[in-house]
């Protein structure tokens, strides 16, 4: 099922952006996947990448434990 933009009904494709968050007093960064409209450029988070984004957060936390 193809995702459609809520603003213009254009087709959506995967996109990524840097996510920054605090964990145990440290600033961590990871990639966050989201959907982006090919027509108007609107970006939004949805359930499509929820599991993948959670894994990216856990990997960033695990990297902190290695340091």
N, C-alpha and C. Protein backbone atom coordinates (compact mmCIF):
# COMPACT_ATOMS: atom_id res chain seq x y z
N UNK A 1 0.84 -1.18 0.00
CA UNK A 1 0.00 0.00 0.00
C UNK A 1 0.89 1.25 0.00
N UNK A 2 0.70 2.10 -0.95
CA UNK A 2 1.49 3.33 -1.06
C UNK A 2 0.94 4.37 -0.09
N UNK A 3 1.86 5.08 0.53
CA UNK A 3 1.46 6.17 1.41
C UNK A 3 1.22 7.42 0.60
N UNK A 4 0.22 8.19 1.01
CA UNK A 4 -0.08 9.45 0.35
C UNK A 4 0.05 10.60 1.33
N UNK A 5 0.50 11.71 0.83
CA UNK A 5 0.66 12.93 1.63
C UNK A 5 -0.71 13.45 2.06
N UNK A 6 -0.81 13.84 3.32
CA UNK A 6 -2.07 14.39 3.82
C UNK A 6 -2.31 15.81 3.31
N UNK A 7 -1.26 16.48 2.86
CA UNK A 7 -1.41 17.86 2.37
C UNK A 7 -1.83 17.92 0.91
N UNK A 8 -1.20 17.09 0.06
CA UNK A 8 -1.47 17.22 -1.38
C UNK A 8 -1.85 15.91 -2.07
N UNK A 9 -1.87 14.81 -1.31
CA UNK A 9 -2.17 13.48 -1.84
C UNK A 9 -1.10 12.94 -2.79
N UNK A 10 0.09 13.56 -2.77
CA UNK A 10 1.22 13.06 -3.57
C UNK A 10 1.78 11.78 -2.99
N UNK A 11 2.55 11.07 -3.79
CA UNK A 11 3.17 9.81 -3.35
C UNK A 11 4.29 10.08 -2.36
N UNK A 12 4.41 9.20 -1.37
CA UNK A 12 5.44 9.34 -0.34
C UNK A 12 6.57 8.35 -0.58
N UNK A 13 7.76 8.76 -0.19
CA UNK A 13 8.95 7.92 -0.27
C UNK A 13 9.66 7.98 1.08
N UNK A 14 10.56 7.01 1.36
CA UNK A 14 11.31 7.05 2.61
C UNK A 14 12.27 8.24 2.63
N UNK A 15 12.46 8.80 3.81
CA UNK A 15 13.41 9.88 4.01
C UNK A 15 14.08 9.65 5.37
N UNK A 16 15.17 10.34 5.60
CA UNK A 16 15.88 10.20 6.88
C UNK A 16 16.30 11.58 7.37
N UNK A 17 16.37 11.69 8.68
CA UNK A 17 16.88 12.91 9.28
C UNK A 17 17.63 12.54 10.55
N UNK A 18 18.49 13.43 11.01
CA UNK A 18 19.23 13.19 12.24
C UNK A 18 18.32 13.47 13.43
N UNK A 19 18.31 12.56 14.37
CA UNK A 19 17.55 12.75 15.61
C UNK A 19 18.55 12.91 16.75
N UNK A 20 18.35 13.89 17.59
CA UNK A 20 19.19 14.15 18.75
C UNK A 20 18.35 13.98 20.00
N UNK A 21 18.91 13.27 20.99
CA UNK A 21 18.19 13.08 22.25
C UNK A 21 19.18 12.93 23.39
N UNK A 22 18.69 13.16 24.60
CA UNK A 22 19.50 13.05 25.81
C UNK A 22 19.32 11.66 26.42
N UNK A 23 20.43 11.07 26.88
CA UNK A 23 20.38 9.78 27.55
C UNK A 23 21.51 9.72 28.56
N UNK A 24 21.18 9.54 29.81
CA UNK A 24 22.16 9.47 30.90
C UNK A 24 23.11 10.65 30.90
N UNK A 25 22.55 11.84 30.67
CA UNK A 25 23.35 13.06 30.70
C UNK A 25 24.20 13.31 29.46
N UNK A 26 24.06 12.50 28.46
CA UNK A 26 24.82 12.66 27.21
C UNK A 26 23.87 12.96 26.07
N UNK A 27 24.36 13.71 25.10
CA UNK A 27 23.60 13.98 23.89
C UNK A 27 23.95 12.92 22.86
N UNK A 28 22.96 12.20 22.40
CA UNK A 28 23.16 11.15 21.41
C UNK A 28 22.48 11.53 20.10
N UNK A 29 22.98 10.95 19.03
CA UNK A 29 22.43 11.20 17.69
C UNK A 29 22.17 9.86 17.01
N UNK A 30 21.11 9.80 16.24
CA UNK A 30 20.83 8.62 15.43
C UNK A 30 20.00 9.05 14.22
N UNK A 31 19.88 8.16 13.29
CA UNK A 31 19.07 8.40 12.10
C UNK A 31 17.62 8.06 12.40
N UNK A 32 16.71 8.93 11.99
CA UNK A 32 15.28 8.68 12.14
C UNK A 32 14.66 8.60 10.75
N UNK A 33 13.97 7.52 10.47
CA UNK A 33 13.30 7.35 9.20
C UNK A 33 11.90 7.96 9.27
N UNK A 34 11.47 8.56 8.18
CA UNK A 34 10.14 9.13 8.10
C UNK A 34 9.69 9.10 6.65
N UNK A 35 8.49 9.54 6.41
CA UNK A 35 7.95 9.58 5.05
C UNK A 35 8.02 11.01 4.53
N UNK A 36 8.26 11.13 3.23
CA UNK A 36 8.37 12.44 2.60
C UNK A 36 7.62 12.44 1.28
N UNK A 37 6.85 13.49 1.04
CA UNK A 37 6.08 13.60 -0.20
C UNK A 37 6.99 14.00 -1.36
N UNK A 38 6.88 13.29 -2.45
CA UNK A 38 7.67 13.60 -3.65
C UNK A 38 7.15 14.85 -4.36
N UNK A 39 5.93 15.26 -4.07
CA UNK A 39 5.32 16.40 -4.76
C UNK A 39 5.59 17.71 -4.02
N UNK A 40 5.20 17.76 -2.75
CA UNK A 40 5.29 19.03 -2.02
C UNK A 40 6.42 19.07 -0.98
N UNK A 41 7.05 17.93 -0.69
CA UNK A 41 8.16 17.91 0.26
C UNK A 41 7.76 17.78 1.72
N UNK A 42 6.47 17.73 2.01
CA UNK A 42 6.02 17.56 3.39
C UNK A 42 6.59 16.26 3.96
N UNK A 43 7.09 16.31 5.21
CA UNK A 43 7.62 15.12 5.88
C UNK A 43 6.83 14.83 7.13
N UNK A 44 6.66 13.54 7.45
CA UNK A 44 5.93 13.17 8.65
C UNK A 44 6.39 11.81 9.14
N UNK A 45 6.26 11.64 10.46
CA UNK A 45 6.54 10.35 11.09
C UNK A 45 5.24 9.56 11.15
N UNK A 46 5.35 8.27 10.88
CA UNK A 46 4.19 7.39 10.98
C UNK A 46 4.67 6.03 11.47
N UNK A 47 3.76 5.09 11.56
CA UNK A 47 4.10 3.77 12.09
C UNK A 47 4.97 2.93 11.15
N UNK A 48 5.12 3.36 9.92
CA UNK A 48 5.86 2.59 8.92
C UNK A 48 7.27 2.25 9.39
N UNK A 49 7.94 3.19 10.04
CA UNK A 49 9.34 3.00 10.42
C UNK A 49 9.53 2.91 11.93
N UNK A 50 8.46 2.65 12.68
CA UNK A 50 8.53 2.66 14.14
C UNK A 50 9.56 1.65 14.68
N UNK A 51 9.54 0.42 14.20
CA UNK A 51 10.47 -0.60 14.68
C UNK A 51 11.91 -0.24 14.32
N UNK A 52 12.12 0.23 13.11
CA UNK A 52 13.46 0.60 12.66
C UNK A 52 14.00 1.78 13.47
N UNK A 53 13.16 2.78 13.73
CA UNK A 53 13.58 3.94 14.51
C UNK A 53 13.90 3.56 15.95
N UNK A 54 13.13 2.65 16.52
CA UNK A 54 13.41 2.18 17.88
C UNK A 54 14.77 1.47 17.93
N UNK A 55 15.06 0.70 16.91
CA UNK A 55 16.35 0.01 16.85
C UNK A 55 17.50 1.01 16.75
N UNK A 56 17.33 2.07 15.99
CA UNK A 56 18.37 3.10 15.88
C UNK A 56 18.64 3.76 17.22
N UNK A 57 17.59 4.03 17.99
CA UNK A 57 17.75 4.63 19.32
C UNK A 57 18.51 3.66 20.23
N UNK A 58 18.14 2.40 20.21
CA UNK A 58 18.81 1.41 21.06
C UNK A 58 20.28 1.25 20.67
N UNK A 59 20.60 1.31 19.39
CA UNK A 59 21.99 1.22 18.94
C UNK A 59 22.80 2.41 19.44
N UNK A 60 22.20 3.59 19.43
CA UNK A 60 22.89 4.79 19.93
C UNK A 60 23.15 4.65 21.43
N UNK A 61 22.18 4.14 22.17
CA UNK A 61 22.36 3.93 23.61
C UNK A 61 23.43 2.90 23.88
N UNK A 62 23.45 1.83 23.08
CA UNK A 62 24.45 0.77 23.25
C UNK A 62 25.85 1.30 22.96
N UNK A 63 25.97 2.18 21.99
CA UNK A 63 27.28 2.77 21.66
C UNK A 63 27.81 3.58 22.83
N UNK A 64 26.94 4.21 23.59
CA UNK A 64 27.34 4.97 24.77
C UNK A 64 27.95 4.02 25.81
N UNK A 65 27.42 2.83 25.95
CA UNK A 65 27.92 1.85 26.93
C UNK A 65 29.32 1.38 26.56
N UNK A 66 29.66 1.41 25.28
CA UNK A 66 30.97 0.95 24.82
C UNK A 66 32.06 1.95 25.19
N UNK A 67 31.73 3.24 25.15
CA UNK A 67 32.73 4.29 25.43
C UNK A 67 33.24 4.24 26.84
